[in-house]
């Protein structure tokens, strides 16, 4: 599995913890985020990651910003990307199970690093259920 992580200044600490967790699980991680806490524009870090998820160069992505909204809105502009804003592990599981989400968006200012780790584990360990959900997911693209 190959996963990318992108973040703005609010998510650097989270990215480091999530990347370490993934590497411990033997998952290849590509860094798309800033490595500092100086203010940056989140779209500059989202676009490269989302395009690689869209063209399937990456299996999944994780995006982190203060609210999670900006990164989710930006990523969801790409065809084939289904970025889900989550703030608890149950939402991360359902995003995969029912929506076949391929990018997990984390609101760093509203969850702890431990909660982010729980969400990531749930996200990558949950399979898409398919069935009745597949026809719904297939209706998401507009063009």
C-alpha atoms as a PDB file:
ATOM      1  CA  UNK A   1       0.000   0.000   0.000  1.00  0.00           C
ATOM      2  CA  UNK A   2       1.193   3.499  -0.833  1.00  0.00           C
ATOM      3  CA  UNK A   3      -0.229   6.478   1.013  1.00  0.00           C
ATOM      4  CA  UNK A   4       0.442  10.215   0.802  1.00  0.00           C
ATOM      5  CA  UNK A   5       0.165  12.710   3.645  1.00  0.00           C
ATOM      6  CA  UNK A   6      -0.302  16.423   3.105  1.00  0.00           C
ATOM      7  CA  UNK A   7      -0.656  19.142   5.685  1.00  0.00           C
ATOM      8  CA  UNK A   8      -0.469  22.825   6.360  1.00  0.00           C
ATOM      9  CA  UNK A   9       1.164  24.444   9.386  1.00  0.00           C
ATOM     10  CA  UNK A  10      -1.590  23.185  11.737  1.00  0.00           C
ATOM     11  CA  UNK A  11      -0.886  19.549  10.897  1.00  0.00           C
ATOM     12  CA  UNK A  12       2.880  19.056  11.019  1.00  0.00           C
ATOM     13  CA  UNK A  13       2.913  17.268  14.390  1.00  0.00           C
ATOM     14  CA  UNK A  14       0.037  15.064  13.257  1.00  0.00           C
ATOM     15  CA  UNK A  15       1.730  14.203   9.978  1.00  0.00           C
ATOM     16  CA  UNK A  16       4.882  13.094  11.772  1.00  0.00           C
ATOM     17  CA  UNK A  17       2.938  10.822  14.141  1.00  0.00           C
ATOM     18  CA  UNK A  18       0.794   9.348  11.361  1.00  0.00           C
ATOM     19  CA  UNK A  19       3.777   8.769   9.076  1.00  0.00           C
ATOM     20  CA  UNK A  20       5.660   6.953  11.854  1.00  0.00           C
ATOM     21  CA  UNK A  21       2.619   4.748  12.511  1.00  0.00           C
ATOM     22  CA  UNK A  22       2.263   3.889   8.818  1.00  0.00           C
ATOM     23  CA  UNK A  23       5.958   3.120   8.390  1.00  0.00           C
ATOM     24  CA  UNK A  24       5.777   0.811  11.425  1.00  0.00           C
ATOM     25  CA  UNK A  25       3.022  -1.052   9.581  1.00  0.00           C
ATOM     26  CA  UNK A  26       5.191  -1.359   6.479  1.00  0.00           C
ATOM     27  CA  UNK A  27       3.183   1.152   4.451  1.00  0.00           C
ATOM     28  CA  UNK A  28       5.028   3.410   2.014  1.00  0.00           C
ATOM     29  CA  UNK A  29       4.463   7.084   2.857  1.00  0.00           C
ATOM     30  CA  UNK A  30       4.986  10.059   0.554  1.00  0.00           C
ATOM     31  CA  UNK A  31       5.203  13.504   2.172  1.00  0.00           C
ATOM     32  CA  UNK A  32       3.237  16.303   0.500  1.00  0.00           C
ATOM     33  CA  UNK A  33       3.065  18.609   3.488  1.00  0.00           C
ATOM     34  CA  UNK A  34       5.032  21.334   5.116  1.00  0.00           C
ATOM     35  CA  UNK A  35       7.571  20.303   7.722  1.00  0.00           C
ATOM     36  CA  UNK A  36       7.305  23.456   9.797  1.00  0.00           C
ATOM     37  CA  UNK A  37       4.819  25.621  11.630  1.00  0.00           C
ATOM     38  CA  UNK A  38       5.164  28.757   9.494  1.00  0.00           C
ATOM     39  CA  UNK A  39       1.922  29.693   7.756  1.00  0.00           C
ATOM     40  CA  UNK A  40       1.434  28.090   4.323  1.00  0.00           C
ATOM     41  CA  UNK A  41      -1.457  27.852   1.880  1.00  0.00           C
ATOM     42  CA  UNK A  42      -3.045  24.405   2.214  1.00  0.00           C
ATOM     43  CA  UNK A  43      -4.035  24.085  -1.496  1.00  0.00           C
ATOM     44  CA  UNK A  44      -0.335  24.065  -2.413  1.00  0.00           C
ATOM     45  CA  UNK A  45      -0.030  20.799  -0.473  1.00  0.00           C
ATOM     46  CA  UNK A  46      -3.400  19.311  -1.405  1.00  0.00           C
ATOM     47  CA  UNK A  47      -3.218  19.540  -5.197  1.00  0.00           C
ATOM     48  CA  UNK A  48      -0.127  17.316  -5.673  1.00  0.00           C
ATOM     49  CA  UNK A  49      -1.515  14.648  -3.320  1.00  0.00           C
ATOM     50  CA  UNK A  50      -5.052  14.694  -4.718  1.00  0.00           C
ATOM     51  CA  UNK A  51      -3.803  14.410  -8.302  1.00  0.00           C
ATOM     52  CA  UNK A  52      -1.813  11.294  -7.364  1.00  0.00           C
ATOM     53  CA  UNK A  53      -4.831   9.723  -5.665  1.00  0.00           C
ATOM     54  CA  UNK A  54      -6.957  10.615  -8.707  1.00  0.00           C
ATOM     55  CA  UNK A  55      -4.527   8.935 -11.124  1.00  0.00           C
ATOM     56  CA  UNK A  56      -4.084   6.027  -8.696  1.00  0.00           C
ATOM     57  CA  UNK A  57      -0.355   6.587  -8.180  1.00  0.00           C
ATOM     58  CA  UNK A  58      -1.304   6.543  -4.491  1.00  0.00           C
ATOM     59  CA  UNK A  59      -3.771   4.124  -2.924  1.00  0.00           C
ATOM     60  CA  UNK A  60      -4.927   6.587  -0.271  1.00  0.00           C
ATOM     61  CA  UNK A  61      -4.216  10.014   1.111  1.00  0.00           C
ATOM     62  CA  UNK A  62      -4.429  11.821   4.411  1.00  0.00           C
ATOM     63  CA  UNK A  63      -4.820  15.587   4.530  1.00  0.00           C
ATOM     64  CA  UNK A  64      -4.541  17.676   7.680  1.00  0.00           C
ATOM     65  CA  UNK A  65      -5.350  21.315   8.337  1.00  0.00           C
ATOM     66  CA  UNK A  66      -6.888  23.252  11.204  1.00  0.00           C
ATOM     67  CA  UNK A  67     -10.547  22.534  10.438  1.00  0.00           C
ATOM     68  CA  UNK A  68     -10.135  19.851   7.781  1.00  0.00           C
ATOM     69  CA  UNK A  69     -12.628  21.721   5.612  1.00  0.00           C
ATOM     70  CA  UNK A  70     -10.193  23.507   3.296  1.00  0.00           C
ATOM     71  CA  UNK A  71      -8.234  20.391   2.449  1.00  0.00           C
ATOM     72  CA  UNK A  72     -11.427  18.373   1.888  1.00  0.00           C
ATOM     73  CA  UNK A  73     -12.949  21.011  -0.381  1.00  0.00           C
ATOM     74  CA  UNK A  74      -9.774  21.268  -2.436  1.00  0.00           C
ATOM     75  CA  UNK A  75      -9.223  17.513  -2.771  1.00  0.00           C
ATOM     76  CA  UNK A  76     -12.826  16.861  -3.791  1.00  0.00           C
ATOM     77  CA  UNK A  77     -12.348  18.965  -6.929  1.00  0.00           C
ATOM     78  CA  UNK A  78     -10.509  16.006  -8.483  1.00  0.00           C
ATOM     79  CA  UNK A  79     -12.408  13.327 -10.391  1.00  0.00           C
ATOM     80  CA  UNK A  80     -12.079  10.012  -8.628  1.00  0.00           C
ATOM     81  CA  UNK A  81     -11.226  11.568  -5.275  1.00  0.00           C
ATOM     82  CA  UNK A  82     -13.584  11.027  -2.375  1.00  0.00           C
ATOM     83  CA  UNK A  83     -12.138  12.999   0.535  1.00  0.00           C
ATOM     84  CA  UNK A  84     -13.946  12.575   3.850  1.00  0.00           C
ATOM     85  CA  UNK A  85     -13.713  14.995   6.750  1.00  0.00           C
ATOM     86  CA  UNK A  86     -13.696  12.903   9.925  1.00  0.00           C
ATOM     87  CA  UNK A  87     -13.377  13.699  13.627  1.00  0.00           C
ATOM     88  CA  UNK A  88     -13.871  10.249  15.141  1.00  0.00           C
ATOM     89  CA  UNK A  89     -12.882   6.723  14.157  1.00  0.00           C
ATOM     90  CA  UNK A  90     -16.439   5.596  13.461  1.00  0.00           C
ATOM     91  CA  UNK A  91     -16.777   8.254  10.763  1.00  0.00           C
ATOM     92  CA  UNK A  92     -13.478   7.165   9.235  1.00  0.00           C
ATOM     93  CA  UNK A  93     -14.711   3.559   9.106  1.00  0.00           C
ATOM     94  CA  UNK A  94     -18.022   4.550   7.542  1.00  0.00           C
ATOM     95  CA  UNK A  95     -16.297   6.806   5.026  1.00  0.00           C
ATOM     96  CA  UNK A  96     -14.452   3.736   3.727  1.00  0.00           C
ATOM     97  CA  UNK A  97     -17.232   1.191   4.214  1.00  0.00           C
ATOM     98  CA  UNK A  98     -20.107   3.165   2.679  1.00  0.00           C
ATOM     99  CA  UNK A  99     -18.470   5.900   0.579  1.00  0.00           C
ATOM    100  CA  UNK A 100     -15.255   4.229  -0.598  1.00  0.00           C
ATOM    101  CA  UNK A 101     -13.366   7.334   0.560  1.00  0.00           C
ATOM    102  CA  UNK A 102      -9.765   7.427  -0.609  1.00  0.00           C
ATOM    103  CA  UNK A 103      -8.602  10.499   1.318  1.00  0.00           C
ATOM    104  CA  UNK A 104      -9.030  10.996   5.052  1.00  0.00           C
ATOM    105  CA  UNK A 105      -9.213  14.662   6.103  1.00  0.00           C
ATOM    106  CA  UNK A 106      -8.351  15.459   9.708  1.00  0.00           C
ATOM    107  CA  UNK A 107      -9.182  18.687  11.608  1.00  0.00           C
ATOM    108  CA  UNK A 108      -6.033  19.146  13.705  1.00  0.00           C
ATOM    109  CA  UNK A 109      -7.527  21.872  15.900  1.00  0.00           C
ATOM    110  CA  UNK A 110     -10.439  19.665  16.935  1.00  0.00           C
ATOM    111  CA  UNK A 111      -8.939  16.200  17.524  1.00  0.00           C
ATOM    112  CA  UNK A 112      -5.924  14.899  19.399  1.00  0.00           C
ATOM    113  CA  UNK A 113      -3.007  13.091  17.792  1.00  0.00           C
ATOM    114  CA  UNK A 114      -4.263   9.885  19.437  1.00  0.00           C
ATOM    115  CA  UNK A 115      -7.700  10.370  17.880  1.00  0.00           C
ATOM    116  CA  UNK A 116      -6.068  11.007  14.505  1.00  0.00           C
ATOM    117  CA  UNK A 117      -4.132   7.744  14.833  1.00  0.00           C
ATOM    118  CA  UNK A 118      -7.337   5.861  15.684  1.00  0.00           C
ATOM    119  CA  UNK A 119      -9.070   7.370  12.649  1.00  0.00           C
ATOM    120  CA  UNK A 120      -6.182   6.470  10.375  1.00  0.00           C
ATOM    121  CA  UNK A 121      -6.147   2.867  11.599  1.00  0.00           C
ATOM    122  CA  UNK A 122      -9.902   2.587  11.074  1.00  0.00           C
ATOM    123  CA  UNK A 123      -9.627   4.182   7.624  1.00  0.00           C
ATOM    124  CA  UNK A 124      -6.935   1.880   6.258  1.00  0.00           C
ATOM    125  CA  UNK A 125      -8.283  -1.258   7.945  1.00  0.00           C
ATOM    126  CA  UNK A 126     -11.850  -0.900   6.675  1.00  0.00           C
ATOM    127  CA  UNK A 127     -12.818  -2.219   3.260  1.00  0.00           C
ATOM    128  CA  UNK A 128     -15.462  -0.761   0.979  1.00  0.00           C
ATOM    129  CA  UNK A 129     -18.655  -2.754   1.449  1.00  0.00           C
ATOM    130  CA  UNK A 130     -19.841  -2.350  -2.142  1.00  0.00           C
ATOM    131  CA  UNK A 131     -23.333  -3.668  -2.803  1.00  0.00           C
ATOM    132  CA  UNK A 132     -25.989  -0.977  -2.470  1.00  0.00           C
ATOM    133  CA  UNK A 133     -23.260   1.543  -1.648  1.00  0.00           C
ATOM    134  CA  UNK A 134     -21.479   1.011  -4.975  1.00  0.00           C
ATOM    135  CA  UNK A 135     -24.355   2.394  -7.027  1.00  0.00           C
ATOM    136  CA  UNK A 136     -24.467   5.473  -4.780  1.00  0.00           C
ATOM    137  CA  UNK A 137     -20.731   6.052  -5.007  1.00  0.00           C
ATOM    138  CA  UNK A 138     -20.955   5.719  -8.785  1.00  0.00           C
ATOM    139  CA  UNK A 139     -23.417   8.650  -8.812  1.00  0.00           C
ATOM    140  CA  UNK A 140     -20.980  11.051  -7.098  1.00  0.00           C
ATOM    141  CA  UNK A 141     -19.041  12.350 -10.153  1.00  0.00           C
ATOM    142  CA  UNK A 142     -20.751  15.167 -12.010  1.00  0.00           C
ATOM    143  CA  UNK A 143     -18.661  15.220 -15.182  1.00  0.00           C
END
